[in-house]
Amino acid sequence: MDDTNNKERIDQIVARQLSVSRKTSNDLIKAGQVRVNKKVITKPSIKVRLTDKLAISKSAIELPEIIEIDLPVIYEDDNVVVINKPIGVLTHSKGAYNNEPTVATWLETKAPVMKGNRAGIVHRLDRATSGVMILAKNPDTLSFLQKQFSQRRTKKSYKAIVEGELSQTEAIIDMPIERNPKRPQTFRVGVNGKSATTQYKVIEQKAGYSLVELKPVTGRTHQLRVHMRQIGHPIVGDNLYGGKQADRLYLHAESLEITLPGGNRQIFRADTPKEFKEFMK
């Protein structure tokens, strides 16, 4: 029987041969893990003949499927979903295929139209940081919300426990931040960096520690962590920036004020985790 004209989508073939979901198959193809007739294929929708020679990289075959996770939802409508991100969960994978579940992979189960490892991600929270995150369920909403962040029309408030008792109960930290060339995974205050501004207010001080409210005016990577270390009060549990070792990074995104599609301005909150109160005891 001549099957040269019988074609099938490459993502269907990969899913069947590896016994994984179509989503995982799509991710592998987009990551360049699949070849057809020795040519790398990156579009899952491409159809191939049954006689074509299919090759899947060994590393891809050995990867387990991305497991599904459940994230606490604060608010949801047709355009957005707001979550209270737990510590330990990545916002999105970086570049190549990664089988670790992330906020982005969770969102795709609720909004299949948002595909890709960063699709629907409006803003990031570090893996070690918990708290409020808003996600977009369609491309128009993503653009609408991201514009508010870039134009600084959102208001964010964090709670943190830092080492030491601050001499000023309220202040503004205005120090530029740049990548640290000696430790590229970290950042530092530097004259060649991008402008960065953080407002802080002391809530409670006890036994050499301070519970503070942090309000970033700008949104630089690791901004709050870098700024607090720079003024001599690193965040407790911050292994990257010299904080006292602890059971977690004591940084929590407590509230986010933003305008939703349709013009409704809302404030979303995630209560400060109980371990913050227990630590300050």
Protein backbone atom coordinates (compact mmCIF):
# COMPACT_ATOMS: atom_id res chain seq x y z
CA MET A 1 0.00 0.00 0.00
CA ASP A 2 1.37 3.40 -1.00
CA ASP A 3 1.26 5.66 2.05
CA THR A 4 3.39 8.54 0.74
CA ASN A 5 0.35 10.81 0.52
CA ASN A 6 -0.93 9.97 3.99
CA LYS A 7 0.05 12.83 6.25
CA GLU A 8 -0.34 13.49 9.96
CA ARG A 9 0.50 16.41 12.24
CA ILE A 10 3.95 16.08 13.76
CA ASP A 11 2.68 16.86 17.28
CA GLN A 12 0.22 13.98 17.07
CA ILE A 13 2.95 11.58 16.05
CA VAL A 14 5.33 12.70 18.81
CA ALA A 15 2.58 12.52 21.43
CA ARG A 16 1.73 8.98 20.37
CA GLN A 17 5.30 7.72 20.18
CA LEU A 18 6.33 9.16 23.56
CA SER A 19 2.95 8.53 25.25
CA VAL A 20 2.73 12.17 26.36
CA SER A 21 0.07 14.86 26.05
CA ARG A 22 -0.27 17.10 22.99
CA LYS A 23 0.90 20.02 25.12
CA THR A 24 4.14 18.27 26.03
CA SER A 25 4.58 17.23 22.42
CA ASN A 26 4.10 20.86 21.32
CA ASP A 27 6.66 22.07 23.86
CA LEU A 28 9.25 19.55 22.69
CA ILE A 29 8.79 20.48 19.04
CA LYS A 30 8.98 24.22 19.75
CA ALA A 31 12.18 23.59 21.73
CA GLY A 32 13.82 22.04 18.66
CA GLN A 33 13.88 18.50 20.04
CA VAL A 34 12.35 16.88 16.94
CA ARG A 35 13.81 16.32 13.47
CA VAL A 36 12.11 15.15 10.29
CA ASN A 37 14.43 13.84 7.58
CA LYS A 38 17.35 15.31 9.61
CA LYS A 39 15.77 18.79 9.61
CA VAL A 40 14.74 20.42 12.89
CA ILE A 41 10.99 21.09 13.03
CA THR A 42 9.67 23.79 15.38
CA LYS A 43 6.05 24.09 14.23
CA PRO A 44 3.74 21.49 15.83
CA SER A 45 1.12 21.92 13.10
CA ILE A 46 3.37 20.74 10.26
CA LYS A 47 2.12 17.57 8.60
CA VAL A 48 4.56 14.82 7.63
CA ARG A 49 4.28 11.63 5.61
CA LEU A 50 4.28 8.31 7.39
CA THR A 51 7.36 7.39 5.36
CA ASP A 52 9.34 10.41 6.61
CA LYS A 53 12.15 9.68 9.06
CA LEU A 54 11.35 11.06 12.50
CA ALA A 55 14.05 11.56 15.15
CA ILE A 56 13.44 12.71 18.72
CA SER A 57 16.42 13.74 20.86
CA LYS A 58 17.39 11.31 23.58
CA SER A 59 17.06 13.99 26.27
CA ALA A 60 13.48 14.63 25.19
CA ILE A 61 12.58 10.95 25.34
CA GLU A 62 13.94 10.73 28.89
CA LEU A 63 11.99 13.76 30.14
CA PRO A 64 8.87 12.99 32.15
CA GLU A 65 5.67 14.81 31.29
CA ILE A 66 4.90 18.11 33.00
CA ILE A 67 2.71 17.37 35.98
CA GLU A 68 -0.35 19.46 36.67
CA ILE A 69 -0.39 21.72 39.70
CA ASP A 70 -3.16 23.56 41.50
CA LEU A 71 -2.69 27.25 42.32
CA PRO A 72 -4.92 29.29 44.66
CA VAL A 73 -7.16 31.67 42.69
CA ILE A 74 -8.05 35.05 44.18
CA TYR A 75 -10.14 36.32 41.25
CA GLU A 76 -11.07 35.19 37.74
CA ASP A 77 -13.12 36.46 34.82
CA ASP A 78 -13.07 36.03 31.04
CA ASN A 79 -9.88 38.09 30.66
CA VAL A 80 -7.74 37.59 33.74
CA VAL A 81 -6.98 35.25 36.59
CA VAL A 82 -5.33 36.49 39.77
CA ILE A 83 -3.47 33.97 41.93
CA ASN A 84 -1.67 33.79 45.25
CA LYS A 85 1.58 32.24 44.01
CA PRO A 86 3.15 29.83 46.49
CA ILE A 87 6.88 29.84 47.18
CA GLY A 88 8.87 27.36 45.11
CA VAL A 89 6.84 27.77 41.93
CA LEU A 90 8.54 29.27 38.86
CA THR A 91 6.67 31.96 36.96
CA HIS A 92 7.82 30.46 33.64
CA SER A 93 10.62 28.26 32.30
CA LYS A 94 13.60 29.91 30.70
CA GLY A 95 14.11 29.15 27.03
CA ALA A 96 14.53 25.46 26.33
CA TYR A 97 11.98 22.82 27.16
CA ASN A 98 11.61 22.28 30.89
CA ASN A 99 9.33 19.65 32.37
CA GLU A 100 8.92 21.53 35.65
CA PRO A 101 5.38 22.84 36.19
CA THR A 102 5.18 26.65 36.28
CA VAL A 103 2.58 29.38 36.58
CA ALA A 104 2.62 29.54 32.77
CA THR A 105 1.92 25.80 32.30
CA TRP A 106 -0.91 26.06 34.86
CA LEU A 107 -2.41 29.04 32.99
CA GLU A 108 -2.45 27.13 29.71
CA THR A 109 -4.89 24.63 31.22
CA LYS A 110 -7.31 27.52 31.89
CA ALA A 111 -6.58 29.55 28.75
CA PRO A 112 -5.45 27.20 25.93
CA VAL A 113 -5.20 30.14 23.53
CA MET A 114 -2.16 31.38 25.48
CA LYS A 115 0.65 29.11 24.32
CA GLY A 116 4.40 29.31 24.89
CA ASN A 117 6.48 29.27 28.05
CA ARG A 118 5.72 32.94 28.83
CA ALA A 119 2.28 33.31 27.28
CA GLY A 120 -0.13 35.11 29.57
CA ILE A 121 2.60 36.19 31.98
CA VAL A 122 2.09 39.88 32.70
CA HIS A 123 4.76 40.24 35.40
CA ARG A 124 7.08 37.95 37.36
CA LEU A 125 7.55 36.90 40.93
CA ASP A 126 10.77 35.13 41.87
CA ARG A 127 10.53 31.41 42.63
CA ALA A 128 11.12 32.11 46.33
CA THR A 129 8.56 34.94 46.54
CA SER A 130 4.88 34.34 47.27
CA GLY A 131 1.86 36.52 46.65
CA VAL A 132 -0.40 38.28 44.18
CA MET A 133 0.11 37.71 40.46
CA ILE A 134 -2.24 38.71 37.64
CA LEU A 135 -2.30 36.61 34.45
CA ALA A 136 -3.86 37.31 31.06
CA LYS A 137 -6.18 34.81 29.40
CA ASN A 138 -5.97 36.34 25.90
CA PRO A 139 -3.43 38.38 23.87
CA ASP A 140 -5.36 41.68 23.99
CA THR A 141 -5.55 41.56 27.76
CA LEU A 142 -1.86 40.68 28.00
CA SER A 143 -0.93 43.80 26.04
CA PHE A 144 -3.39 45.96 28.02
CA LEU A 145 -2.01 44.88 31.39
CA GLN A 146 1.67 44.91 30.42
CA LYS A 147 1.33 48.50 29.24
CA GLN A 148 0.19 49.52 32.73
CA PHE A 149 3.28 47.94 34.27
CA SER A 150 5.64 49.56 31.75
CA GLN A 151 3.98 52.95 32.27
CA ARG A 152 4.05 52.53 36.08
CA ARG A 153 0.27 52.80 36.41
CA THR A 154 0.07 49.82 38.77
CA LYS A 155 0.61 49.93 42.53
CA LYS A 156 2.33 47.01 44.26
CA SER A 157 2.89 46.45 47.96
CA TYR A 158 5.07 43.75 49.54
CA LYS A 159 5.75 42.62 53.09
CA ALA A 160 9.23 41.55 54.07
CA ILE A 161 11.18 40.68 57.19
CA VAL A 162 14.69 42.12 57.12
CA GLU A 163 17.71 41.85 59.35
CA GLY A 164 18.33 44.67 61.82
CA GLU A 165 16.21 47.54 63.08
CA LEU A 166 16.05 50.42 60.61
CA SER A 167 16.92 53.85 62.01
CA GLN A 168 14.40 55.59 59.74
CA THR A 169 10.86 54.27 59.95
CA GLU A 170 10.04 55.53 56.43
CA ALA A 171 12.31 56.32 53.50
CA ILE A 172 12.78 56.15 49.73
CA ILE A 173 15.65 54.12 48.28
CA ASP A 174 16.72 55.52 44.90
CA MET A 175 19.66 53.50 43.57
CA PRO A 176 20.29 52.21 40.02
CA ILE A 177 20.51 48.44 39.56
CA GLU A 178 22.69 46.51 37.12
CA ARG A 179 23.58 42.87 36.52
CA ASN A 180 26.56 41.67 38.52
CA PRO A 181 29.19 40.54 35.97
CA LYS A 182 30.96 38.41 38.60
CA ARG A 183 27.71 36.54 39.44
CA PRO A 184 25.47 36.87 36.36
CA GLN A 185 22.47 35.31 38.14
CA THR A 186 22.45 38.27 40.55
CA PHE A 187 22.15 42.04 40.42
CA ARG A 188 23.76 44.92 42.30
CA VAL A 189 23.61 48.66 42.79
CA GLY A 190 25.85 50.30 40.17
CA VAL A 191 26.30 53.64 38.42
CA ASN A 192 25.73 52.01 35.01
CA GLY A 193 22.47 50.39 36.06
CA LYS A 194 18.85 51.26 35.35
CA SER A 195 17.05 53.64 37.67
CA ALA A 196 15.28 51.88 40.54
CA THR A 197 13.17 53.33 43.34
CA THR A 198 11.66 51.62 46.38
CA GLN A 199 9.59 53.09 49.21
CA TYR A 200 9.70 51.38 52.58
CA LYS A 201 7.83 51.73 55.86
CA VAL A 202 8.60 49.91 59.11
CA ILE A 203 5.59 48.04 60.53
CA GLU A 204 7.21 46.31 63.51
CA GLN A 205 10.68 45.91 65.00
CA LYS A 206 11.74 43.25 67.48
CA ALA A 207 14.88 41.44 68.58
CA GLY A 208 17.04 42.66 65.73
CA TYR A 209 14.51 42.16 62.93
CA SER A 210 12.06 44.45 61.15
CA LEU A 211 8.76 43.73 59.41
CA VAL A 212 8.53 46.27 56.60
CA GLU A 213 6.17 47.28 53.82
CA LEU A 214 7.95 47.70 50.48
CA LYS A 215 6.47 49.58 47.52
CA PRO A 216 8.50 49.36 44.31
CA VAL A 217 8.04 52.39 42.08
CA THR A 218 10.05 50.71 39.32
CA GLY A 219 10.10 47.00 38.50
CA ARG A 220 13.71 45.87 38.15
CA THR A 221 14.65 42.23 38.59
CA HIS A 222 15.45 41.48 42.27
CA GLN A 223 14.94 45.20 43.03
CA LEU A 224 13.62 44.84 46.58
CA ARG A 225 16.21 42.24 47.49
CA VAL A 226 19.11 44.30 46.11
CA HIS A 227 17.93 47.57 47.67
CA MET A 228 17.44 46.11 51.15
CA ARG A 229 20.86 44.48 51.07
CA GLN A 230 22.46 47.71 49.88
CA ILE A 231 21.18 49.66 52.90
CA GLY A 232 22.44 46.94 55.24
CA HIS A 233 19.16 45.13 55.90
CA PRO A 234 18.98 42.01 53.70
CA ILE A 235 15.72 40.09 53.57
CA VAL A 236 15.65 37.06 55.86
CA GLY A 237 16.09 33.83 53.89
CA ASP A 238 17.66 35.57 50.88
CA ASN A 239 20.52 33.22 50.03
CA LEU A 240 21.47 35.20 46.93
CA TYR A 241 21.92 38.50 48.72
CA GLY A 242 23.36 37.62 52.10
CA GLY A 243 20.19 37.18 54.11
CA LYS A 244 20.02 35.08 57.25
CA GLN A 245 19.29 31.43 56.47
CA ALA A 246 15.64 30.56 57.03
CA ASP A 247 12.87 28.20 55.97
CA ARG A 248 11.85 30.55 53.15
CA LEU A 249 12.51 33.95 51.60
CA TYR A 250 10.50 36.32 53.78
CA LEU A 251 9.16 38.39 50.90
CA HIS A 252 5.47 38.37 49.97
CA ALA A 253 3.55 40.34 47.31
CA GLU A 254 0.61 41.42 49.43
CA SER A 255 -1.40 43.63 47.08
CA LEU A 256 -1.71 44.77 43.47
CA GLU A 257 -3.79 47.69 42.22
CA ILE A 258 -4.50 47.62 38.49
CA THR A 259 -7.15 48.51 35.92
CA LEU A 260 -8.91 45.57 34.29
CA PRO A 261 -10.19 45.49 30.71
CA GLY A 262 -13.38 47.55 30.68
CA GLY A 263 -11.92 50.22 32.96
CA ASN A 264 -12.61 48.74 36.40
CA ARG A 265 -9.81 49.65 38.83
CA GLN A 266 -9.33 46.93 41.45
CA ILE A 267 -7.05 46.04 44.33
CA PHE A 268 -6.22 42.36 44.79
CA ARG A 269 -4.80 41.10 48.09
CA ALA A 270 -3.12 37.98 49.43
CA ASP A 271 -2.84 37.91 53.21
CA THR A 272 0.64 37.86 54.69
CA PRO A 273 1.58 34.21 55.36
CA LYS A 274 1.29 33.09 58.97
CA GLU A 275 5.00 32.28 59.16
CA PHE A 276 5.75 36.03 59.02
CA LYS A 277 3.83 36.59 62.27
CA GLU A 278 5.37 33.53 63.85
CA PHE A 279 8.89 34.69 62.95
CA MET A 280 8.32 38.14 64.51
CA LYS A 281 7.21 36.52 67.79
